Amino acid sequence: MRRIFLVLLSFTTYSIAHTQDRDISYVTSGGKLKPLQSIMDIRHYTLSLEVDTMTRSIAGFAEKDFILDKPSDSLLFDLLHFYKVTRVLIDKKQQVVNHMHDSLFIVARPLQTGRHTVRIEYSGVPPEAVRPPWQGGFTWSHDKHGNPWISINTQLQGAKILFPCKDHPSDEPNEGVDLVITVPGNLTVAGPGILINTSKPRNGKRTFHWKTNYTISNYCILFNIAKYAVVRDTYTTIDHHKVPVEFYSLADDTAMAARLVKLRMRDAHILEKYFGEYPWVKEKMGIAQVPNSGMEHQTMITYGDTAAPIQYGNFEYSANLLHEFAHEWWANKVTNTDWAHFWIQEGIATYADALFFREMQGEAGYDSTMVGIKAGIRNKVPVVQGEGLTVAQTYNGDIYNKGAFFMHSLRYVVGDSVFFPALKSLCTDVLYPYDRFLSTDDVEKHFSKASGLALKTYFDFFLKTTRTLDIEVRQLWPGTFLVYSDNAPMNLPLDISTDHGIEHLEVIPGKAKAVKIKSNTWPVVDPRGWYFKRVINY
């Protein structure tokens, strides 16, 4: 690599010829952190782009402020090879660049430790989303009046399909992001944070400047475009802060938007009870209508359901609206240090459904929701498969369903008096501020400390293997049974339903520690369904 760079020094810009293949199914995010990126701490992004809806292209620049931990003569960023890089400046001095295989190598004079700024000017036709948001890219759609309606999704492929970045979940811009987006003058840009300025139409175009001062995941650094109308309200948080609520909806759908804003504020009160105050009180509680399924884009959750919320007795429920909103706490605020721990954000956001129905319908509603979640568990691979993994290696349905069911089981093991305060403090405690990242071991240590139990073997058993908890029930003679588990990862509480009611006992691993049960009917193990288990009756 060093020899290649020496050859490039005689050129301003070096460009590799790429095929015209537009397939990005191979593209993923995360993985093992590259050495050249491990020494770099991203502090701020500025993304200034003009979107041409006729040619479906973008052009502009991305500017990154970063701190180097050690001197380096080169920098490495990620950027999809579809784009043409025309100029790179480091600290306002032009540099040599080699763009190859979705990697952007920048040759620089030896850069000392400390703060630097790189500006990368680029343009091109971004990839089109095939199945958004799961296979991301740009969705170039139109509303029923023919106005352009554009959404962007980058989570599974990574933000490099939109702008040059350090495409790894373990580093977010600590000082926030500025998005300066120019679009046709009849359109509006919906983005993260606060709308700082909207320019007057000029040459048929308008520029929108969105700014967030919070840390933000790379895949939330994006925007949506449409002929939007804005429905507004104000939400008062659990800590008495006033937060603007803004729904960027199509003009024909403002009645729907006003209805959903009311649901959003109701759901916020429920989620704040369990997770703490809404995390982005200094900015907004936003929703943008998009022509695809929704995503958890920070302070501007997207909503794409065409069906009305489901009516449950005296209340309405929208799965899309609630799940993506729960990500404001779990994903946007509490972020995984590595995609290997994807379950933390997706599992707890899925578990939020059960907590919602607990509030609206009591424990019966909670239990019914957990039955449905358990039915979705496939258990083909462990939820946590290792470290340094990409999204493609990690993403499957069990990070949602088994991750949520694990939280359900954990509630039972540690008890409500421990579980609910610990769940909230995991999101609000000063140990886990906005720019810290969590692994599975961090979550385990948090609940172990809160409960006074050594929970590592429990976490490892259910999250890092595909084993089930095996409970054996053996009839000694009519009316008497032995209950035991040979593979329990630790001493566990267990409910047994007998002909005279529920018995609460502790299962200690090993047949020698079997518990004797008296019942004239065959005992039912774990009748409420707390465990991901297999019951063996003899």
Foldseek 3Di string as FASTA:
>chain_A
DVVVVVVQPVDLEDEDDDDPDLDLPVFFFFFAQDPLCVQKAWAEKEAEWEADLVVQKIWDKIKTKIFGNAKDQKHKWFADSQKDWDWKDKQRHTWYWYQDPRMIMTGHHTDGGTIIMMMITIMGRFREAPAPPVRWIKDFDADPVRWTWIDGFPHGRFLNSPHIHSRHQQHWNAQWYKYKYKYFPQKDKAAPFAFPDWDDDDPRMIITIHIDRHTWGSRLHDIIMTNWDWDWDWAQKPVGFIAIEIETEHPVCVVVVVVVSVVLNVLQRLLCQQANTQDRSVTHQAEYEHCHQWAQRASYTYHDDPDHFDDDPPDGDDLSSQLSSQLSQQPTQANANGCLQVLRRQQVSLLSCLSVLCVVPNVVRSLVSLVVLQVQDDLPAFQRADGRDISVVRDDSCSRRLSNLLLLLLCQFQDVVQSRVLNNCVRVPPVRGRSHYDHLVNSQVSSCVSRVHNCPLVSCVSRHHSDFFEWEWEDPDQFKIWIATQDPSAWGWWWKQAPVGIDIDIHGHDPVRIDMGGHNDRIDIRVSPSTRHDYHYD
